Amino acid sequence: MYYCSKMALCTWQDQGRNMTESLLDYDIWAHDQVKNRATQLNDEEFNRELADGTGSVRGKLQHLLWAEEMWVRRIQGENPGPELPIPDIHSAIPFYENWDTTRNGHLTRIRSELLGNPGKTVSYENTKGEQYSQPLWQIALHVVNHGTFHRGQISSMVRRITGQPIPLDLVLFHRN
């Protein structure tokens, strides 16, 4: 048996749902951690191309925005193709104002789909034109993991620019 809380026993299905919900909550928290620091960067810092090929903070954030939009559209049954347009905004505050408007809806949609149809399978075409089908819960975890990977890169970039990394550890989320 797995414990859902200190008082209640739960099934593996409940535990998996709780873990997925917790990771989606972590994703929101980590997004906000990065947003709070990125919006403190001036335009030059936000757009600065770092010399080793890692790109810019803006570029990494644009990639995350693109990937989230891509996956949400796939979950909805669309095939947006690799040329999915995203806004090209060069200042952090307007960038996040735009992203947060759509992001809240994206996460609500993913949660709603997970709760309403936990066994849902999503069929989609990747950017190379290859066909795949995967359970929605795997895609939700991929979206969180992908965001975690790139936010770690952004934290490192911000450290190079400002001298201070962005604290993103999962344990810090759970302590809040």
C-alpha atoms as a PDB file:
ATOM      1  CA  MET A   1       0.000   0.000   0.000  1.00  0.00           C
ATOM      2  CA  TYR A   2       1.035   3.565  -0.681  1.00  0.00           C
ATOM      3  CA  TYR A   3       0.052   6.464   1.535  1.00  0.00           C
ATOM      4  CA  CYS A   4      -1.617   9.507  -0.007  1.00  0.00           C
ATOM      5  CA  SER A   5      -1.334  11.427   3.226  1.00  0.00           C
ATOM      6  CA  LYS A   6      -0.458  10.726   6.831  1.00  0.00           C
ATOM      7  CA  MET A   7      -3.976   9.447   7.497  1.00  0.00           C
ATOM      8  CA  ALA A   8      -5.225   7.841   4.273  1.00  0.00           C
ATOM      9  CA  LEU A   9      -4.232   4.737   2.358  1.00  0.00           C
ATOM     10  CA  CYS A  10      -4.558   4.886  -1.388  1.00  0.00           C
ATOM     11  CA  THR A  11      -4.125   2.733  -4.461  1.00  0.00           C
ATOM     12  CA  TRP A  12      -1.220   2.984  -6.881  1.00  0.00           C
ATOM     13  CA  GLN A  13      -3.570   4.749  -9.322  1.00  0.00           C
ATOM     14  CA  ASP A  14      -4.333   7.397  -6.689  1.00  0.00           C
ATOM     15  CA  GLN A  15      -0.654   7.722  -5.819  1.00  0.00           C
ATOM     16  CA  GLY A  16       0.270   8.165  -9.487  1.00  0.00           C
ATOM     17  CA  ARG A  17      -2.418  10.813  -9.916  1.00  0.00           C
ATOM     18  CA  ASN A  18      -1.207  12.620  -6.779  1.00  0.00           C
ATOM     19  CA  MET A  19       2.380  12.483  -8.031  1.00  0.00           C
ATOM     20  CA  THR A  20       1.395  13.835 -11.449  1.00  0.00           C
ATOM     21  CA  GLU A  21      -0.630  16.631  -9.807  1.00  0.00           C
ATOM     22  CA  SER A  22       2.329  17.440  -7.538  1.00  0.00           C
ATOM     23  CA  LEU A  23       4.707  17.602 -10.507  1.00  0.00           C
ATOM     24  CA  LEU A  24       2.329  19.895 -12.391  1.00  0.00           C
ATOM     25  CA  ASP A  25       2.211  22.106  -9.281  1.00  0.00           C
ATOM     26  CA  TYR A  26       6.024  22.039  -9.187  1.00  0.00           C
ATOM     27  CA  ASP A  27       6.107  23.079 -12.838  1.00  0.00           C
ATOM     28  CA  ILE A  28       3.970  26.138 -12.040  1.00  0.00           C
ATOM     29  CA  TRP A  29       6.164  27.019  -9.050  1.00  0.00           C
ATOM     30  CA  ALA A  30       9.408  26.613 -11.028  1.00  0.00           C
ATOM     31  CA  HIS A  31       7.995  28.657 -13.920  1.00  0.00           C
ATOM     32  CA  ASP A  32       7.226  31.442 -11.440  1.00  0.00           C
ATOM     33  CA  GLN A  33      10.721  31.213  -9.906  1.00  0.00           C
ATOM     34  CA  VAL A  34      12.289  31.724 -13.342  1.00  0.00           C
ATOM     35  CA  LYS A  35       9.792  34.449 -14.244  1.00  0.00           C
ATOM     36  CA  ASN A  36      10.580  36.369 -11.043  1.00  0.00           C
ATOM     37  CA  ARG A  37      14.280  36.403 -11.892  1.00  0.00           C
ATOM     38  CA  ALA A  38      14.026  36.779 -15.670  1.00  0.00           C
ATOM     39  CA  THR A  39      11.817  39.853 -15.329  1.00  0.00           C
ATOM     40  CA  GLN A  40      14.593  41.470 -13.294  1.00  0.00           C
ATOM     41  CA  LEU A  41      16.950  41.227 -16.280  1.00  0.00           C
ATOM     42  CA  ASN A  42      17.265  44.273 -18.480  1.00  0.00           C
ATOM     43  CA  ASP A  43      16.645  43.858 -22.216  1.00  0.00           C
ATOM     44  CA  GLU A  44      20.345  43.445 -23.021  1.00  0.00           C
ATOM     45  CA  GLU A  45      20.732  40.677 -20.409  1.00  0.00           C
ATOM     46  CA  PHE A  46      17.480  38.966 -21.458  1.00  0.00           C
ATOM     47  CA  ASN A  47      18.610  38.859 -25.113  1.00  0.00           C
ATOM     48  CA  ARG A  48      22.354  38.351 -24.573  1.00  0.00           C
ATOM     49  CA  GLU A  49      23.779  35.502 -26.657  1.00  0.00           C
ATOM     50  CA  LEU A  50      26.187  33.637 -24.404  1.00  0.00           C
ATOM     51  CA  ALA A  51      29.434  32.784 -26.171  1.00  0.00           C
ATOM     52  CA  ASP A  52      29.406  28.983 -25.846  1.00  0.00           C
ATOM     53  CA  GLY A  53      26.389  28.330 -28.054  1.00  0.00           C
ATOM     54  CA  THR A  54      23.814  28.134 -25.264  1.00  0.00           C
ATOM     55  CA  GLY A  55      21.866  31.013 -26.767  1.00  0.00           C
ATOM     56  CA  SER A  56      20.004  33.585 -24.721  1.00  0.00           C
ATOM     57  CA  VAL A  57      17.566  33.463 -21.824  1.00  0.00           C
ATOM     58  CA  ARG A  58      14.902  34.727 -24.236  1.00  0.00           C
ATOM     59  CA  GLY A  59      15.743  31.956 -26.709  1.00  0.00           C
ATOM     60  CA  LYS A  60      15.404  29.213 -24.077  1.00  0.00           C
ATOM     61  CA  LEU A  61      12.118  30.674 -22.865  1.00  0.00           C
ATOM     62  CA  GLN A  62      10.816  30.907 -26.437  1.00  0.00           C
ATOM     63  CA  HIS A  63      11.651  27.216 -26.888  1.00  0.00           C
ATOM     64  CA  LEU A  64       9.710  26.311 -23.721  1.00  0.00           C
ATOM     65  CA  LEU A  65       6.734  28.381 -24.862  1.00  0.00           C
ATOM     66  CA  TRP A  66       6.848  26.705 -28.294  1.00  0.00           C
ATOM     67  CA  ALA A  67       7.063  23.203 -26.797  1.00  0.00           C
ATOM     68  CA  GLU A  68       4.170  23.787 -24.391  1.00  0.00           C
ATOM     69  CA  GLU A  69       2.006  25.115 -27.208  1.00  0.00           C
ATOM     70  CA  MET A  70       2.986  22.175 -29.415  1.00  0.00           C
ATOM     71  CA  TRP A  71       2.062  19.565 -26.780  1.00  0.00           C
ATOM     72  CA  VAL A  72      -1.238  21.201 -25.831  1.00  0.00           C
ATOM     73  CA  ARG A  73      -2.275  21.299 -29.467  1.00  0.00           C
ATOM     74  CA  ARG A  74      -1.304  17.642 -29.890  1.00  0.00           C
ATOM     75  CA  ILE A  75      -3.385  16.744 -26.820  1.00  0.00           C
ATOM     76  CA  GLN A  76      -6.315  18.541 -28.486  1.00  0.00           C
ATOM     77  CA  GLY A  77      -5.859  16.378 -31.582  1.00  0.00           C
ATOM     78  CA  GLU A  78      -4.204  19.026 -33.748  1.00  0.00           C
ATOM     79  CA  ASN A  79      -1.033  18.640 -35.796  1.00  0.00           C
ATOM     80  CA  PRO A  80       0.563  22.105 -35.656  1.00  0.00           C
ATOM     81  CA  GLY A  81       3.739  21.138 -37.535  1.00  0.00           C
ATOM     82  CA  PRO A  82       7.286  22.244 -36.709  1.00  0.00           C
ATOM     83  CA  GLU A  83       6.763  25.842 -37.853  1.00  0.00           C
ATOM     84  CA  LEU A  84       4.345  26.716 -35.053  1.00  0.00           C
ATOM     85  CA  PRO A  85       4.647  30.508 -34.708  1.00  0.00           C
ATOM     86  CA  ILE A  86       5.312  32.089 -31.332  1.00  0.00           C
ATOM     87  CA  PRO A  87       5.534  35.796 -30.482  1.00  0.00           C
ATOM     88  CA  ASP A  88       9.001  37.315 -30.866  1.00  0.00           C
ATOM     89  CA  ILE A  89       9.057  39.590 -27.815  1.00  0.00           C
ATOM     90  CA  HIS A  90      12.434  40.988 -26.707  1.00  0.00           C
ATOM     91  CA  SER A  91      11.572  42.255 -23.203  1.00  0.00           C
ATOM     92  CA  ALA A  92      10.990  39.869 -20.301  1.00  0.00           C
ATOM     93  CA  ILE A  93       7.883  41.454 -18.749  1.00  0.00           C
ATOM     94  CA  PRO A  94       5.806  41.596 -21.976  1.00  0.00           C
ATOM     95  CA  PHE A  95       7.120  38.134 -22.902  1.00  0.00           C
ATOM     96  CA  TYR A  96       5.767  36.659 -19.662  1.00  0.00           C
ATOM     97  CA  GLU A  97       2.518  38.644 -19.854  1.00  0.00           C
ATOM     98  CA  ASN A  98       1.889  37.014 -23.225  1.00  0.00           C
ATOM     99  CA  TRP A  99       3.008  33.526 -22.135  1.00  0.00           C
ATOM    100  CA  ASP A 100       1.105  33.488 -18.841  1.00  0.00           C
ATOM    101  CA  THR A 101      -2.130  34.312 -20.650  1.00  0.00           C
ATOM    102  CA  THR A 102      -1.932  31.079 -22.635  1.00  0.00           C
ATOM    103  CA  ARG A 103      -0.009  28.987 -20.093  1.00  0.00           C
ATOM    104  CA  ASN A 104      -2.734  29.064 -17.457  1.00  0.00           C
ATOM    105  CA  GLY A 105      -5.184  27.680 -20.000  1.00  0.00           C
ATOM    106  CA  HIS A 106      -2.694  25.039 -21.124  1.00  0.00           C
ATOM    107  CA  LEU A 107      -2.154  23.688 -17.629  1.00  0.00           C
ATOM    108  CA  THR A 108      -5.867  23.768 -16.872  1.00  0.00           C
ATOM    109  CA  ARG A 109      -6.510  21.786 -20.048  1.00  0.00           C
ATOM    110  CA  ILE A 110      -3.852  19.168 -19.210  1.00  0.00           C
ATOM    111  CA  ARG A 111      -5.189  18.759 -15.653  1.00  0.00           C
ATOM    112  CA  SER A 112      -8.768  18.539 -16.885  1.00  0.00           C
ATOM    113  CA  GLU A 113      -7.872  15.885 -19.435  1.00  0.00           C
ATOM    114  CA  LEU A 114      -5.912  13.883 -16.843  1.00  0.00           C
ATOM    115  CA  LEU A 115      -8.772  13.966 -14.348  1.00  0.00           C
ATOM    116  CA  GLY A 116     -11.580  13.488 -16.856  1.00  0.00           C
ATOM    117  CA  ASN A 117      -9.928  10.795 -18.931  1.00  0.00           C
ATOM    118  CA  PRO A 118      -6.911   9.383 -17.048  1.00  0.00           C
ATOM    119  CA  GLY A 119      -6.458   6.545 -19.563  1.00  0.00           C
ATOM    120  CA  LYS A 120      -6.461   8.829 -22.599  1.00  0.00           C
ATOM    121  CA  THR A 121      -3.967   8.041 -25.338  1.00  0.00           C
ATOM    122  CA  VAL A 122      -2.743  10.877 -27.550  1.00  0.00           C
ATOM    123  CA  SER A 123      -1.834  10.165 -31.161  1.00  0.00           C
ATOM    124  CA  TYR A 124       0.380  12.766 -32.760  1.00  0.00           C
ATOM    125  CA  GLU A 125       2.990  13.497 -35.388  1.00  0.00           C
ATOM    126  CA  ASN A 126       6.385  14.735 -34.226  1.00  0.00           C
ATOM    127  CA  THR A 127       8.334  17.502 -35.951  1.00  0.00           C
ATOM    128  CA  LYS A 128      10.018  14.901 -38.200  1.00  0.00           C
ATOM    129  CA  GLY A 129       6.643  13.639 -39.451  1.00  0.00           C
ATOM    130  CA  GLU A 130       6.786  10.385 -37.439  1.00  0.00           C
ATOM    131  CA  GLN A 131       3.550   9.055 -35.918  1.00  0.00           C
ATOM    132  CA  TYR A 132       3.297   8.155 -32.223  1.00  0.00           C
ATOM    133  CA  SER A 133       0.662   7.304 -29.616  1.00  0.00           C
ATOM    134  CA  GLN A 134       1.328   7.713 -25.910  1.00  0.00           C
ATOM    135  CA  PRO A 135      -0.705   7.871 -22.708  1.00  0.00           C
ATOM    136  CA  LEU A 136      -1.536  11.424 -21.718  1.00  0.00           C
ATOM    137  CA  TRP A 137       0.101  11.000 -18.309  1.00  0.00           C
ATOM    138  CA  GLN A 138       3.446  10.272 -20.028  1.00  0.00           C
ATOM    139  CA  ILE A 139       3.115  13.425 -22.105  1.00  0.00           C
ATOM    140  CA  ALA A 140       2.250  15.469 -19.004  1.00  0.00           C
ATOM    141  CA  LEU A 141       5.365  14.157 -17.250  1.00  0.00           C
ATOM    142  CA  HIS A 142       7.431  14.849 -20.374  1.00  0.00           C
ATOM    143  CA  VAL A 143       6.231  18.463 -20.440  1.00  0.00           C
ATOM    144  CA  VAL A 144       7.264  18.877 -16.785  1.00  0.00           C
ATOM    145  CA  ASN A 145      10.615  17.144 -17.335  1.00  0.00           C
ATOM    146  CA  HIS A 146      11.356  19.172 -20.474  1.00  0.00           C
ATOM    147  CA  GLY A 147      10.607  22.379 -18.585  1.00  0.00           C
ATOM    148  CA  THR A 148      12.801  21.281 -15.684  1.00  0.00           C
ATOM    149  CA  PHE A 149      15.725  20.598 -18.021  1.00  0.00           C
ATOM    150  CA  HIS A 150      15.564  23.970 -19.751  1.00  0.00           C
ATOM    151  CA  ARG A 151      14.841  25.940 -16.570  1.00  0.00           C
ATOM    152  CA  GLY A 152      18.051  24.420 -15.176  1.00  0.00           C
ATOM    153  CA  GLN A 153      19.880  25.755 -18.218  1.00  0.00           C
ATOM    154  CA  ILE A 154      18.257  29.150 -17.709  1.00  0.00           C
ATOM    155  CA  SER A 155      19.293  29.141 -14.044  1.00  0.00           C
ATOM    156  CA  SER A 156      22.879  28.550 -15.123  1.00  0.00           C
ATOM    157  CA  MET A 157      22.627  31.325 -17.713  1.00  0.00           C
ATOM    158  CA  VAL A 158      21.209  33.751 -15.144  1.00  0.00           C
ATOM    159  CA  ARG A 159      24.068  32.840 -12.807  1.00  0.00           C
ATOM    160  CA  ARG A 160      26.543  33.722 -15.548  1.00  0.00           C
ATOM    161  CA  ILE A 161      24.791  37.046 -16.157  1.00  0.00           C
ATOM    162  CA  THR A 162      24.036  38.115 -12.571  1.00  0.00           C
ATOM    163  CA  GLY A 163      26.222  35.945 -10.342  1.00  0.00           C
ATOM    164  CA  GLN A 164      23.204  34.248  -8.694  1.00  0.00           C
ATOM    165  CA  PRO A 165      21.438  31.090  -9.912  1.00  0.00           C
ATOM    166  CA  ILE A 166      17.682  30.562  -9.668  1.00  0.00           C
ATOM    167  CA  PRO A 167      16.832  28.066  -6.891  1.00  0.00           C
ATOM    168  CA  LEU A 168      14.673  25.403  -8.591  1.00  0.00           C
ATOM    169  CA  ASP A 169      15.171  22.202  -6.598  1.00  0.00           C
ATOM    170  CA  LEU A 170      12.051  20.100  -6.127  1.00  0.00           C
ATOM    171  CA  VAL A 171      12.745  19.898  -2.394  1.00  0.00           C
ATOM    172  CA  LEU A 172      12.446  23.702  -2.176  1.00  0.00           C
ATOM    173  CA  PHE A 173       9.006  23.489  -3.767  1.00  0.00           C
ATOM    174  CA  HIS A 174       7.917  20.869  -1.242  1.00  0.00           C
ATOM    175  CA  ARG A 175       9.201  22.997   1.653  1.00  0.00           C
ATOM    176  CA  ASN A 176       6.909  25.893   0.642  1.00  0.00           C
END
